[in-house]
PDB file of N, CA and C in Angstrom:
ATOM      1  N   MET A   1     149.369  98.395  73.207  1.00  0.00           N
ATOM      2  CA  MET A   1     150.511  98.834  72.461  1.00  0.00           C
ATOM      3  C   MET A   1     151.648  97.838  72.602  1.00  0.00           C
ATOM      4  N   ASN A   2     151.761  97.311  73.791  1.00  0.00           N
ATOM      5  CA  ASN A   2     152.797  96.346  74.048  1.00  0.00           C
ATOM      6  C   ASN A   2     152.541  95.068  73.263  1.00  0.00           C
ATOM      7  N   GLY A   3     151.290  94.658  73.115  1.00  0.00           N
ATOM      8  CA  GLY A   3     150.929  93.457  72.365  1.00  0.00           C
ATOM      9  C   GLY A   3     151.194  93.626  70.877  1.00  0.00           C
ATOM     10  N   THR A   4     150.975  94.810  70.355  1.00  0.00           N
ATOM     11  CA  THR A   4     151.213  95.075  68.948  1.00  0.00           C
ATOM     12  C   THR A   4     152.701  95.056  68.649  1.00  0.00           C
ATOM     13  N   ARG A   5     153.437  95.626  69.579  1.00  0.00           N
ATOM     14  CA  ARG A   5     154.886  95.662  69.395  1.00  0.00           C
ATOM     15  C   ARG A   5     155.446  94.223  69.419  1.00  0.00           C
ATOM     16  N   THR A   6     154.980  93.402  70.283  1.00  0.00           N
ATOM     17  CA  THR A   6     155.439  92.016  70.382  1.00  0.00           C
ATOM     18  C   THR A   6     155.048  91.248  69.119  1.00  0.00           C
ATOM     19  N   ALA A   7     153.834  91.472  68.623  1.00  0.00           N
ATOM     20  CA  ALA A   7     153.375  90.790  67.416  1.00  0.00           C
ATOM     21  C   ALA A   7     154.211  91.222  66.211  1.00  0.00           C
ATOM     22  N   THR A   8     154.521  92.511  66.139  1.00  0.00           N
ATOM     23  CA  THR A   8     155.330  93.018  65.030  1.00  0.00           C
ATOM     24  C   THR A   8     156.735  92.450  65.105  1.00  0.00           C
ATOM     25  N   LEU A   9     157.299  92.429  66.313  1.00  0.00           N
ATOM     26  CA  LEU A   9     158.641  91.888  66.495  1.00  0.00           C
ATOM     27  C   LEU A   9     158.665  90.401  66.150  1.00  0.00           C
ATOM     28  N   THR A  10     157.676  89.678  66.572  1.00  0.00           N
ATOM     29  CA  THR A  10     157.590  88.245  66.265  1.00  0.00           C
ATOM     30  C   THR A  10     157.457  88.036  64.758  1.00  0.00           C
ATOM     31  N   LEU A  11     156.661  88.870  64.118  1.00  0.00           N
ATOM     32  CA  LEU A  11     156.487  88.777  62.664  1.00  0.00           C
ATOM     33  C   LEU A  11     157.805  89.012  61.949  1.00  0.00           C
ATOM     34  N   TRP A  12     158.528  90.050  62.349  1.00  0.00           N
ATOM     35  CA  TRP A  12     159.806  90.361  61.711  1.00  0.00           C
ATOM     36  C   TRP A  12     160.846  89.273  61.972  1.00  0.00           C
ATOM     37  N   VAL A  13     160.892  88.740  63.150  1.00  0.00           N
ATOM     38  CA  VAL A  13     161.844  87.669  63.467  1.00  0.00           C
ATOM     39  C   VAL A  13     161.514  86.426  62.635  1.00  0.00           C
ATOM     40  N   THR A  14     160.216  86.123  62.535  1.00  0.00           N
ATOM     41  CA  THR A  14     159.782  84.963  61.746  1.00  0.00           C
ATOM     42  C   THR A  14     160.120  85.163  60.273  1.00  0.00           C
ATOM     43  N   LEU A  15     159.836  86.341  59.738  1.00  0.00           N
ATOM     44  CA  LEU A  15     160.159  86.623  58.330  1.00  0.00           C
ATOM     45  C   LEU A  15     161.662  86.549  58.088  1.00  0.00           C
ATOM     46  N   THR A  16     162.446  87.073  59.039  1.00  0.00           N
ATOM     47  CA  THR A  16     163.901  87.034  58.917  1.00  0.00           C
ATOM     48  C   THR A  16     164.391  85.584  58.905  1.00  0.00           C
ATOM     49  N   CYS A  17     163.830  84.774  59.790  1.00  0.00           N
ATOM     50  CA  CYS A  17     164.218  83.355  59.834  1.00  0.00           C
ATOM     51  C   CYS A  17     163.833  82.640  58.536  1.00  0.00           C
ATOM     52  N   LEU A  18     162.622  82.920  58.039  1.00  0.00           N
ATOM     53  CA  LEU A  18     162.177  82.286  56.798  1.00  0.00           C
ATOM     54  C   LEU A  18     163.045  82.706  55.611  1.00  0.00           C
ATOM     55  N   VAL A  19     163.362  83.991  55.541  1.00  0.00           N
ATOM     56  CA  VAL A  19     164.222  84.479  54.457  1.00  0.00           C
ATOM     57  C   VAL A  19     165.612  83.859  54.588  1.00  0.00           C
ATOM     58  N   GLY A  20     166.147  83.794  55.813  1.00  0.00           N
ATOM     59  CA  GLY A  20     167.457  83.170  56.038  1.00  0.00           C
ATOM     60  C   GLY A  20     167.450  81.693  55.639  1.00  0.00           C
ATOM     61  N   PHE A  21     166.394  80.968  56.046  1.00  0.00           N
ATOM     62  CA  PHE A  21     166.283  79.565  55.682  1.00  0.00           C
ATOM     63  C   PHE A  21     166.158  79.394  54.164  1.00  0.00           C
ATOM     64  N   GLY A  22     165.368  80.262  53.530  1.00  0.00           N
ATOM     65  CA  GLY A  22     165.220  80.220  52.066  1.00  0.00           C
ATOM     66  C   GLY A  22     166.545  80.479  51.370  1.00  0.00           C
ATOM     67  N   MET A  23     167.303  81.451  51.888  1.00  0.00           N
ATOM     68  CA  MET A  23     168.616  81.744  51.313  1.00  0.00           C
ATOM     69  C   MET A  23     169.558  80.545  51.483  1.00  0.00           C
ATOM     70  N   PHE A  24     169.501  79.892  52.638  1.00  0.00           N
ATOM     71  CA  PHE A  24     170.336  78.718  52.895  1.00  0.00           C
ATOM     72  C   PHE A  24     170.011  77.589  51.918  1.00  0.00           C
ATOM     73  N   VAL A  25     168.712  77.322  51.735  1.00  0.00           N
ATOM     74  CA  VAL A  25     168.291  76.275  50.801  1.00  0.00           C
ATOM     75  C   VAL A  25     168.714  76.630  49.386  1.00  0.00           C
ATOM     76  N   MET A  26     168.513  77.901  48.992  1.00  0.00           N
ATOM     77  CA  MET A  26     168.876  78.329  47.646  1.00  0.00           C
ATOM     78  C   MET A  26     170.387  78.233  47.437  1.00  0.00           C
ATOM     79  N   LYS A  27     171.180  78.607  48.453  1.00  0.00           N
ATOM     80  CA  LYS A  27     172.643  78.530  48.361  1.00  0.00           C
ATOM     81  C   LYS A  27     173.079  77.084  48.155  1.00  0.00           C
ATOM     82  N   ASN A  28     172.486  76.157  48.912  1.00  0.00           N
ATOM     83  CA  ASN A  28     172.845  74.743  48.748  1.00  0.00           C
ATOM     84  C   ASN A  28     172.454  74.218  47.371  1.00  0.00           C
ATOM     85  N   LYS A  29     171.296  74.638  46.885  1.00  0.00           N
ATOM     86  CA  LYS A  29     170.857  74.199  45.557  1.00  0.00           C
ATOM     87  C   LYS A  29     171.788  74.741  44.476  1.00  0.00           C
ATOM     88  N   VAL A  30     172.201  76.014  44.617  1.00  0.00           N
ATOM     89  CA  VAL A  30     173.122  76.615  43.646  1.00  0.00           C
ATOM     90  C   VAL A  30     174.459  75.888  43.670  1.00  0.00           C
ATOM     91  N   GLN A  31     174.955  75.564  44.864  1.00  0.00           N
ATOM     92  CA  GLN A  31     176.222  74.845  44.972  1.00  0.00           C
ATOM     93  C   GLN A  31     176.122  73.455  44.322  1.00  0.00           C
ATOM     94  N   THR A  32     175.002  72.790  44.536  1.00  0.00           N
ATOM     95  CA  THR A  32     174.795  71.476  43.924  1.00  0.00           C
ATOM     96  C   THR A  32     174.776  71.596  42.398  1.00  0.00           C
ATOM     97  N   LEU A  33     174.090  72.603  41.885  1.00  0.00           N
ATOM     98  CA  LEU A  33     174.038  72.809  40.443  1.00  0.00           C
ATOM     99  C   LEU A  33     175.407  73.175  39.870  1.00  0.00           C
ATOM    100  N   GLU A  34     176.182  73.975  40.629  1.00  0.00           N
ATOM    101  CA  GLU A  34     177.537  74.327  40.175  1.00  0.00           C
ATOM    102  C   GLU A  34     178.426  73.093  40.118  1.00  0.00           C
ATOM    103  N   LYS A  35     178.300  72.209  41.112  1.00  0.00           N
ATOM    104  CA  LYS A  35     179.081  70.965  41.095  1.00  0.00           C
ATOM    105  C   LYS A  35     178.673  70.100  39.907  1.00  0.00           C
ATOM    106  N   GLU A  36     177.394  70.033  39.647  1.00  0.00           N
ATOM    107  CA  GLU A  36     176.900  69.259  38.511  1.00  0.00           C
ATOM    108  C   GLU A  36     177.406  69.838  37.197  1.00  0.00           C
ATOM    109  N   LEU A  37     177.397  71.168  37.094  1.00  0.00           N
ATOM    110  CA  LEU A  37     177.901  71.828  35.889  1.00  0.00           C
ATOM    111  C   LEU A  37     179.390  71.561  35.705  1.00  0.00           C
ATOM    112  N   ALA A  38     180.149  71.634  36.794  1.00  0.00           N
ATOM    113  CA  ALA A  38     181.587  71.358  36.706  1.00  0.00           C
ATOM    114  C   ALA A  38     181.830  69.918  36.257  1.00  0.00           C
ATOM    115  N   GLN A  39     181.045  68.980  36.766  1.00  0.00           N
ATOM    116  CA  GLN A  39     181.188  67.578  36.355  1.00  0.00           C
ATOM    117  C   GLN A  39     180.851  67.403  34.883  1.00  0.00           C
ATOM    118  N   ILE A  40     179.810  68.066  34.426  1.00  0.00           N
ATOM    119  CA  ILE A  40     179.436  67.988  33.013  1.00  0.00           C
ATOM    120  C   ILE A  40     180.542  68.570  32.140  1.00  0.00           C
ATOM    121  N   ASN A  41     181.118  69.696  32.565  1.00  0.00           N
ATOM    122  CA  ASN A  41     182.213  70.298  31.795  1.00  0.00           C
ATOM    123  C   ASN A  41     183.426  69.376  31.748  1.00  0.00           C
ATOM    124  N   ARG A  42     183.738  68.698  32.877  1.00  0.00           N
ATOM    125  CA  ARG A  42     184.845  67.740  32.882  1.00  0.00           C
ATOM    126  C   ARG A  42     184.553  66.583  31.934  1.00  0.00           C
ATOM    127  N   ASN A  43     183.318  66.103  31.945  1.00  0.00           N
ATOM    128  CA  ASN A  43     182.944  65.017  31.036  1.00  0.00           C
ATOM    129  C   ASN A  43     183.068  65.442  29.577  1.00  0.00           C
ATOM    130  N   ILE A  44     182.685  66.678  29.292  1.00  0.00           N
ATOM    131  CA  ILE A  44     182.813  67.193  27.925  1.00  0.00           C
ATOM    132  C   ILE A  44     184.277  67.256  27.514  1.00  0.00           C
ATOM    133  N   GLN A  45     185.130  67.756  28.404  1.00  0.00           N
ATOM    134  CA  GLN A  45     186.561  67.823  28.094  1.00  0.00           C
ATOM    135  C   GLN A  45     187.143  66.426  27.877  1.00  0.00           C
ATOM    136  N   ASP A  46     186.736  65.476  28.704  1.00  0.00           N
ATOM    137  CA  ASP A  46     187.202  64.098  28.534  1.00  0.00           C
ATOM    138  C   ASP A  46     186.733  63.531  27.194  1.00  0.00           C
ATOM    139  N   ASP A  47     185.494  63.819  26.824  1.00  0.00           N
ATOM    140  CA  ASP A  47     184.972  63.335  25.550  1.00  0.00           C
ATOM    141  C   ASP A  47     185.703  63.965  24.373  1.00  0.00           C
ATOM    142  N   VAL A  48     186.030  65.248  24.490  1.00  0.00           N
ATOM    143  CA  VAL A  48     186.775  65.923  23.409  1.00  0.00           C
ATOM    144  C   VAL A  48     188.156  65.295  23.266  1.00  0.00           C
ATOM    145  N   LYS A  49     188.819  65.019  24.391  1.00  0.00           N
ATOM    146  CA  LYS A  49     190.134  64.366  24.338  1.00  0.00           C
ATOM    147  C   LYS A  49     190.011  62.980  23.714  1.00  0.00           C
ATOM    148  N   THR A  50     188.977  62.250  24.088  1.00  0.00           N
ATOM    149  CA  THR A  50     188.769  60.914  23.534  1.00  0.00           C
ATOM    150  C   THR A  50     188.518  60.987  22.033  1.00  0.00           C
ATOM    151  N   ILE A  51     187.761  61.975  21.609  1.00  0.00           N
ATOM    152  CA  ILE A  51     187.494  62.151  20.175  1.00  0.00           C
ATOM    153  C   ILE A  51     188.787  62.451  19.425  1.00  0.00           C
ATOM    154  N   HIS A  52     189.646  63.277  19.992  1.00  0.00           N
ATOM    155  CA  HIS A  52     190.933  63.576  19.349  1.00  0.00           C
ATOM    156  C   HIS A  52     191.783  62.312  19.229  1.00  0.00           C
ATOM    157  N   VAL A  53     191.805  61.508  20.281  1.00  0.00           N
ATOM    158  CA  VAL A  53     192.576  60.268  20.249  1.00  0.00           C
ATOM    159  C   VAL A  53     192.001  59.320  19.196  1.00  0.00           C
ATOM    160  N   LEU A  54     190.679  59.197  19.160  1.00  0.00           N
ATOM    161  CA  LEU A  54     190.047  58.317  18.188  1.00  0.00           C
ATOM    162  C   LEU A  54     190.281  58.787  16.756  1.00  0.00           C
ATOM    163  N   ASN A  55     190.267  60.101  16.546  1.00  0.00           N
ATOM    164  CA  ASN A  55     190.565  60.628  15.203  1.00  0.00           C
ATOM    165  C   ASN A  55     191.994  60.311  14.801  1.00  0.00           C
ATOM    166  N   ALA A  56     192.920  60.430  15.738  1.00  0.00           N
ATOM    167  CA  ALA A  56     194.319  60.101  15.440  1.00  0.00           C
ATOM    168  C   ALA A  56     194.460  58.614  15.118  1.00  0.00           C
ATOM    169  N   GLU A  57     193.805  57.767  15.892  1.00  0.00           N
ATOM    170  CA  GLU A  57     193.853  56.329  15.622  1.00  0.00           C
ATOM    171  C   GLU A  57     193.227  56.002  14.275  1.00  0.00           C
ATOM    172  N   TRP A  58     192.109  56.652  13.974  1.00  0.00           N
ATOM    173  CA  TRP A  58     191.432  56.422  12.693  1.00  0.00           C
ATOM    174  C   TRP A  58     192.335  56.833  11.534  1.00  0.00           C
ATOM    175  N   SER A  59     193.014  57.959  11.675  1.00  0.00           N
ATOM    176  CA  SER A  59     193.923  58.413  10.621  1.00  0.00           C
ATOM    177  C   SER A  59     195.058  57.414  10.429  1.00  0.00           C
ATOM    178  N   HIS A  60     195.567  56.896  11.530  1.00  0.00           N
ATOM    179  CA  HIS A  60     196.648  55.906  11.432  1.00  0.00           C
ATOM    180  C   HIS A  60     196.145  54.628  10.770  1.00  0.00           C
ATOM    181  N   LEU A  61     194.974  54.161  11.181  1.00  0.00           N
ATOM    182  CA  LEU A  61     194.453  52.910  10.640  1.00  0.00           C
ATOM    183  C   LEU A  61     194.078  53.024   9.168  1.00  0.00           C
ATOM    184  N   ASN A  62     193.696  54.216   8.721  1.00  0.00           N
ATOM    185  CA  ASN A  62     193.292  54.414   7.326  1.00  0.00           C
ATOM    186  C   ASN A  62     194.395  54.987   6.452  1.00  0.00           C
ATOM    187  N   ASN A  63     195.614  54.971   6.935  1.00  0.00           N
ATOM    188  CA  ASN A  63     196.741  55.467   6.160  1.00  0.00           C
ATOM    189  C   ASN A  63     196.890  54.591   4.904  1.00  0.00           C
ATOM    190  N   PRO A  64     196.830  55.185   3.702  1.00  0.00           N
ATOM    191  CA  PRO A  64     196.872  54.377   2.477  1.00  0.00           C
ATOM    192  C   PRO A  64     198.123  53.512   2.351  1.00  0.00           C
ATOM    193  N   SER A  65     199.281  54.026   2.745  1.00  0.00           N
ATOM    194  CA  SER A  65     200.499  53.208   2.631  1.00  0.00           C
ATOM    195  C   SER A  65     200.439  52.020   3.583  1.00  0.00           C
ATOM    196  N   ARG A  66     199.888  52.225   4.775  1.00  0.00           N
ATOM    197  CA  ARG A  66     199.743  51.126   5.731  1.00  0.00           C
ATOM    198  C   ARG A  66     198.761  50.087   5.198  1.00  0.00           C
ATOM    199  N   LEU A  67     197.629  50.558   4.644  1.00  0.00           N
ATOM    200  CA  LEU A  67     196.644  49.631   4.090  1.00  0.00           C
ATOM    201  C   LEU A  67     197.210  48.861   2.900  1.00  0.00           C
ATOM    202  N   ARG A  68     198.001  49.533   2.071  1.00  0.00           N
ATOM    203  CA  ARG A  68     198.621  48.878   0.923  1.00  0.00           C
ATOM    204  C   ARG A  68     199.577  47.778   1.398  1.00  0.00           C
ATOM    205  N   GLN A  69     200.356  48.101   2.429  1.00  0.00           N
ATOM    206  CA  GLN A  69     201.301  47.126   2.978  1.00  0.00           C
ATOM    207  C   GLN A  69     200.556  45.921   3.570  1.00  0.00           C
ATOM    208  N   LEU A  70     199.495  46.177   4.321  1.00  0.00           N
ATOM    209  CA  LEU A  70     198.724  45.077   4.909  1.00  0.00           C
ATOM    210  C   LEU A  70     198.049  44.231   3.828  1.00  0.00           C
ATOM    211  N   ALA A  71     197.535  44.894   2.802  1.00  0.00           N
ATOM    212  CA  ALA A  71     196.872  44.159   1.727  1.00  0.00           C
ATOM    213  C   ALA A  71     197.870  43.267   0.997  1.00  0.00           C
ATOM    214  N   SER A  72     199.053  43.779   0.724  1.00  0.00           N
ATOM    215  CA  SER A  72     200.040  42.958   0.028  1.00  0.00           C
ATOM    216  C   SER A  72     200.535  41.819   0.917  1.00  0.00           C
ATOM    217  N   LYS A  73     200.531  42.019   2.216  1.00  0.00           N
ATOM    218  CA  LYS A  73     201.003  40.989   3.149  1.00  0.00           C
ATOM    219  C   LYS A  73     199.959  39.886   3.337  1.00  0.00           C
ATOM    220  N   HIS A  74     198.686  40.258   3.459  1.00  0.00           N
ATOM    221  CA  HIS A  74     197.653  39.299   3.832  1.00  0.00           C
ATOM    222  C   HIS A  74     196.750  38.854   2.680  1.00  0.00           C
ATOM    223  N   ILE A  75     196.699  39.611   1.619  1.00  0.00           N
ATOM    224  CA  ILE A  75     195.816  39.268   0.502  1.00  0.00           C
ATOM    225  C   ILE A  75     196.677  39.084  -0.738  1.00  0.00           C
ATOM    226  N   SER A  76     196.581  37.928  -1.330  1.00  0.00           N
ATOM    227  CA  SER A  76     197.397  37.669  -2.521  1.00  0.00           C
ATOM    228  C   SER A  76     196.577  37.992  -3.764  1.00  0.00           C
ATOM    229  N   LEU A  77     196.427  39.264  -4.053  1.00  0.00           N
ATOM    230  CA  LEU A  77     195.707  39.714  -5.237  1.00  0.00           C
ATOM    231  C   LEU A  77     196.702  40.207  -6.282  1.00  0.00           C
ATOM    232  N   ASN A  78     196.399  39.924  -7.510  1.00  0.00           N
ATOM    233  CA  ASN A  78     197.215  40.419  -8.611  1.00  0.00           C
ATOM    234  C   ASN A  78     196.485  41.571  -9.270  1.00  0.00           C
ATOM    235  N   PRO A  79     197.207  42.437  -9.959  1.00  0.00           N
ATOM    236  CA  PRO A  79     196.526  43.526 -10.662  1.00  0.00           C
ATOM    237  C   PRO A  79     195.564  42.973 -11.715  1.00  0.00           C
ATOM    238  N   VAL A  80     194.535  43.721 -12.016  1.00  0.00           N
ATOM    239  CA  VAL A  80     193.536  43.302 -13.005  1.00  0.00           C
ATOM    240  C   VAL A  80     194.182  43.315 -14.384  1.00  0.00           C
ATOM    241  N   GLN A  81     193.993  42.208 -15.093  1.00  0.00           N
ATOM    242  CA  GLN A  81     194.511  42.093 -16.455  1.00  0.00           C
ATOM    243  C   GLN A  81     193.439  42.567 -17.429  1.00  0.00           C
ATOM    244  N   ALA A  82     193.863  42.996 -18.587  1.00  0.00           N
ATOM    245  CA  ALA A  82     192.922  43.492 -19.590  1.00  0.00           C
ATOM    246  C   ALA A  82     191.981  42.383 -20.063  1.00  0.00           C
ATOM    247  N   GLU A  83     192.450  41.146 -20.043  1.00  0.00           N
ATOM    248  CA  GLU A  83     191.620  40.034 -20.498  1.00  0.00           C
ATOM    249  C   GLU A  83     190.447  39.780 -19.554  1.00  0.00           C
ATOM    250  N   GLN A  84     190.531  40.267 -18.336  1.00  0.00           N
ATOM    251  CA  GLN A  84     189.482  40.035 -17.348  1.00  0.00           C
ATOM    252  C   GLN A  84     188.304  40.988 -17.511  1.00  0.00           C
ATOM    253  N   ILE A  85     188.446  42.002 -18.306  1.00  0.00           N
ATOM    254  CA  ILE A  85     187.405  43.012 -18.473  1.00  0.00           C
ATOM    255  C   ILE A  85     186.598  42.683 -19.726  1.00  0.00           C
ATOM    256  N   ILE A  86     185.283  42.555 -19.563  1.00  0.00           N
ATOM    257  CA  ILE A  86     184.414  42.234 -20.686  1.00  0.00           C
ATOM    258  C   ILE A  86     183.237  43.198 -20.706  1.00  0.00           C
ATOM    259  N   ASN A  87     182.478  43.159 -21.781  1.00  0.00           N
ATOM    260  CA  ASN A  87     181.272  43.961 -21.896  1.00  0.00           C
ATOM    261  C   ASN A  87     180.138  43.304 -21.127  1.00  0.00           C
ATOM    262  N   TYR A  88     179.191  44.087 -20.738  1.00  0.00           N
ATOM    263  CA  TYR A  88     178.012  43.575 -20.038  1.00  0.00           C
ATOM    264  C   TYR A  88     177.211  42.645 -20.933  1.00  0.00           C
ATOM    265  N   SER A  89     177.202  42.917 -22.211  1.00  0.00           N
ATOM    266  CA  SER A  89     176.413  42.096 -23.140  1.00  0.00           C
ATOM    267  C   SER A  89     176.973  40.686 -23.281  1.00  0.00           C
ATOM    268  N   ALA A  90     178.203  40.468 -22.891  1.00  0.00           N
ATOM    269  CA  ALA A  90     178.818  39.147 -23.018  1.00  0.00           C
ATOM    270  C   ALA A  90     178.482  38.230 -21.856  1.00  0.00           C
ATOM    271  N   LEU A  91     177.838  38.727 -20.831  1.00  0.00           N
ATOM    272  CA  LEU A  91     177.531  37.914 -19.653  1.00  0.00           C
ATOM    273  C   LEU A  91     176.337  37.011 -19.906  1.00  0.00           C
ATOM    274  N   PRO A  92     176.398  35.757 -19.413  1.00  0.00           N
ATOM    275  CA  PRO A  92     175.244  34.860 -19.572  1.00  0.00           C
ATOM    276  C   PRO A  92     174.158  35.201 -18.551  1.00  0.00           C
ATOM    277  N   PHE A  93     172.915  35.089 -18.979  1.00  0.00           N
ATOM    278  CA  PHE A  93     171.788  35.343 -18.098  1.00  0.00           C
ATOM    279  C   PHE A  93     170.978  34.058 -17.975  1.00  0.00           C
ATOM    280  N   ASP A  94     170.802  33.559 -16.762  1.00  0.00           N
ATOM    281  CA  ASP A  94     170.113  32.294 -16.534  1.00  0.00           C
ATOM    282  C   ASP A  94     168.603  32.399 -16.711  1.00  0.00           C
ATOM    283  N   TYR A  95     168.044  33.558 -16.630  1.00  0.00           N
ATOM    284  CA  TYR A  95     166.596  33.689 -16.671  1.00  0.00           C
ATOM    285  C   TYR A  95     166.032  33.622 -18.092  1.00  0.00           C
ATOM    286  N   GLU A  96     166.886  33.622 -19.094  1.00  0.00           N
ATOM    287  CA  GLU A  96     166.395  33.556 -20.465  1.00  0.00           C
ATOM    288  C   GLU A  96     166.036  32.114 -20.820  1.00  0.00           C
ATOM    289  N   SER A  97     165.121  31.933 -21.766  1.00  0.00           N
ATOM    290  CA  SER A  97     164.586  30.607 -22.087  1.00  0.00           C
ATOM    291  C   SER A  97     165.627  29.698 -22.739  1.00  0.00           C
ATOM    292  N   ASP A  98     166.394  30.196 -23.669  1.00  0.00           N
ATOM    293  CA  ASP A  98     167.398  29.355 -24.335  1.00  0.00           C
ATOM    294  C   ASP A  98     168.761  29.597 -23.686  1.00  0.00           C
ATOM    295  N   GLY A  99     168.910  29.067 -22.491  1.00  0.00           N
ATOM    296  CA  GLY A  99     170.101  29.312 -21.682  1.00  0.00           C
ATOM    297  C   GLY A  99     171.377  28.753 -22.280  1.00  0.00           C
ATOM    298  N   ASN A 100     171.318  27.544 -22.865  1.00  0.00           N
ATOM    299  CA  ASN A 100     172.530  26.936 -23.417  1.00  0.00           C
ATOM    300  C   ASN A 100     173.068  27.730 -24.592  1.00  0.00           C
ATOM    301  N   GLN A 101     172.171  28.134 -25.469  1.00  0.00           N
ATOM    302  CA  GLN A 101     172.602  28.918 -26.632  1.00  0.00           C
ATOM    303  C   GLN A 101     173.177  30.259 -26.175  1.00  0.00           C
ATOM    304  N   ARG A 102     172.525  30.873 -25.210  1.00  0.00           N
ATOM    305  CA  ARG A 102     173.007  32.166 -24.688  1.00  0.00           C
ATOM    306  C   ARG A 102     174.385  32.012 -24.050  1.00  0.00           C
ATOM    307  N   ARG A 103     174.604  30.901 -23.315  1.00  0.00           N
ATOM    308  CA  ARG A 103     175.907  30.650 -22.688  1.00  0.00           C
ATOM    309  C   ARG A 103     176.995  30.470 -23.752  1.00  0.00           C
ATOM    310  N   MET A 104     176.680  29.756 -24.775  1.00  0.00           N
ATOM    311  CA  MET A 104     177.668  29.537 -25.836  1.00  0.00           C
ATOM    312  C   MET A 104     178.023  30.860 -26.506  1.00  0.00           C
ATOM    313  N   ILE A 105     177.008  31.684 -26.752  1.00  0.00           N
ATOM    314  CA  ILE A 105     177.253  33.002 -27.359  1.00  0.00           C
ATOM    315  C   ILE A 105     178.088  33.856 -26.404  1.00  0.00           C
ATOM    316  N   ALA A 106     177.751  33.796 -25.117  1.00  0.00           N
ATOM    317  CA  ALA A 106     178.494  34.578 -24.130  1.00  0.00           C
ATOM    318  C   ALA A 106     179.937  34.122 -24.043  1.00  0.00           C
ATOM    319  N   GLN A 107     180.170  32.802 -24.043  1.00  0.00           N
ATOM    320  CA  GLN A 107     181.545  32.297 -23.986  1.00  0.00           C
ATOM    321  C   GLN A 107     182.321  32.720 -25.233  1.00  0.00           C
ATOM    322  N   ARG A 108     181.662  32.671 -26.383  1.00  0.00           N
ATOM    323  CA  ARG A 108     182.305  33.106 -27.614  1.00  0.00           C
ATOM    324  C   ARG A 108     182.630  34.601 -27.536  1.00  0.00           C
ATOM    325  N   ASN A 109     181.666  35.400 -27.023  1.00  0.00           N
ATOM    326  CA  ASN A 109     181.906  36.839 -26.885  1.00  0.00           C
ATOM    327  C   ASN A 109     183.047  37.124 -25.915  1.00  0.00           C
ATOM    328  N   ILE A 110     183.071  36.381 -24.805  1.00  0.00           N
ATOM    329  CA  ILE A 110     184.143  36.579 -23.823  1.00  0.00           C
ATOM    330  C   ILE A 110     185.485  36.219 -24.432  1.00  0.00           C
ATOM    331  N   SER A 111     185.551  35.104 -25.147  1.00  0.00           N
ATOM    332  CA  SER A 111     186.800  34.699 -25.791  1.00  0.00           C
ATOM    333  C   SER A 111     187.237  35.737 -26.820  1.00  0.00           C
ATOM    334  N   LYS A 112     186.267  36.219 -27.610  1.00  0.00           N
ATOM    335  CA  LYS A 112     186.583  37.226 -28.635  1.00  0.00           C
ATOM    336  C   LYS A 112     187.085  38.513 -27.972  1.00  0.00           C
ATOM    337  N   GLN A 113     186.419  38.928 -26.886  1.00  0.00           N
ATOM    338  CA  GLN A 113     186.826  40.145 -26.167  1.00  0.00           C
ATOM    339  C   GLN A 113     188.222  39.975 -25.580  1.00  0.00           C
ATOM    340  N   ALA A 114     188.494  38.800 -25.010  1.00  0.00           N
ATOM    341  CA  ALA A 114     189.816  38.546 -24.434  1.00  0.00           C
ATOM    342  C   ALA A 114     190.881  38.567 -25.516  1.00  0.00           C
ATOM    343  N   GLU A 115     190.590  37.993 -26.668  1.00  0.00           N
ATOM    344  CA  GLU A 115     191.554  37.995 -27.772  1.00  0.00           C
ATOM    345  C   GLU A 115     191.822  39.418 -28.253  1.00  0.00           C
ATOM    346  N   GLN A 116     190.764  40.229 -28.352  1.00  0.00           N
ATOM    347  CA  GLN A 116     190.953  41.622 -28.766  1.00  0.00           C
ATOM    348  C   GLN A 116     191.807  42.370 -27.750  1.00  0.00           C
ATOM    349  N   ASN A 117     191.565  42.119 -26.461  1.00  0.00           N
ATOM    350  CA  ASN A 117     192.367  42.776 -25.423  1.00  0.00           C
ATOM    351  C   ASN A 117     193.824  42.342 -25.496  1.00  0.00           C
ATOM    352  N   ARG A 118     194.061  41.049 -25.766  1.00  0.00           N
ATOM    353  CA  ARG A 118     195.446  40.575 -25.900  1.00  0.00           C
ATOM    354  C   ARG A 118     196.131  41.252 -27.072  1.00  0.00           C
ATOM    355  N   LEU A 119     195.410  41.379 -28.186  1.00  0.00           N
ATOM    356  CA  LEU A 119     195.990  42.034 -29.352  1.00  0.00           C
ATOM    357  C   LEU A 119     196.302  43.497 -29.065  1.00  0.00           C
ATOM    358  N   LYS A 120     195.418  44.165 -28.314  1.00  0.00           N
ATOM    359  CA  LYS A 120     195.665  45.564 -27.965  1.00  0.00           C
ATOM    360  C   LYS A 120     196.897  45.683 -27.076  1.00  0.00           C
ATOM    361  N   VAL A 121     197.033  44.750 -26.132  1.00  0.00           N
ATOM    362  CA  VAL A 121     198.194  44.771 -25.242  1.00  0.00           C
ATOM    363  C   VAL A 121     199.461  44.529 -26.030  1.00  0.00           C
ATOM    364  N   LEU A 122     199.432  43.569 -26.945  1.00  0.00           N
ATOM    365  CA  LEU A 122     200.609  43.295 -27.785  1.00  0.00           C
ATOM    366  C   LEU A 122     200.936  44.498 -28.666  1.00  0.00           C
ATOM    367  N   ALA A 123     199.913  45.156 -29.209  1.00  0.00           N
ATOM    368  CA  ALA A 123     200.145  46.323 -30.054  1.00  0.00           C
ATOM    369  C   ALA A 123     200.782  47.449 -29.237  1.00  0.00           C
ATOM    370  N   ARG A 124     200.334  47.650 -28.009  1.00  0.00           N
ATOM    371  CA  ARG A 124     200.932  48.686 -27.164  1.00  0.00           C
ATOM    372  C   ARG A 124     202.360  48.333 -26.809  1.00  0.00           C
ATOM    373  N   ALA A 125     202.610  47.051 -26.563  1.00  0.00           N
ATOM    374  CA  ALA A 125     203.956  46.619 -26.189  1.00  0.00           C
ATOM    375  C   ALA A 125     204.928  46.805 -27.364  1.00  0.00           C
ATOM    376  N   GLN A 126     204.446  46.641 -28.596  1.00  0.00           N
ATOM    377  CA  GLN A 126     205.318  46.788 -29.754  1.00  0.00           C
ATOM    378  C   GLN A 126     205.631  48.249 -30.046  1.00  0.00           C
ATOM    379  N   ARG A 127     204.803  49.148 -29.602  1.00  0.00           N
ATOM    380  CA  ARG A 127     205.027  50.579 -29.841  1.00  0.00           C
ATOM    381  C   ARG A 127     206.160  51.001 -28.992  1.00  0.00           C
TER     382      ARG A 127
END
């Protein structure tokens, strides 16, 4: 009877120690995971702040008035004139067999189109 009691007591002490050790390991693992989760949440918050800053910078950089000012300062472009606009059919095509004749026709068409545009501009100006 004494041997059974000792074996039972030893079994219970061993089980208690194993459960305690398991709880200790699990507690440390949970704490490690909580720290990792907190770090991930901080990283997410930092990324959200960075995204907000980048969106603000993007809005500033793409401001139409700012772009217009920079374009006028650095690029010397003039507005498109009506004489510069032609029909697609007036363009010369190099792949055609009679290239010289096609170029002459295209130049004539471009000149005719430009003259018509000038006349339209003059007619509008006289109105």
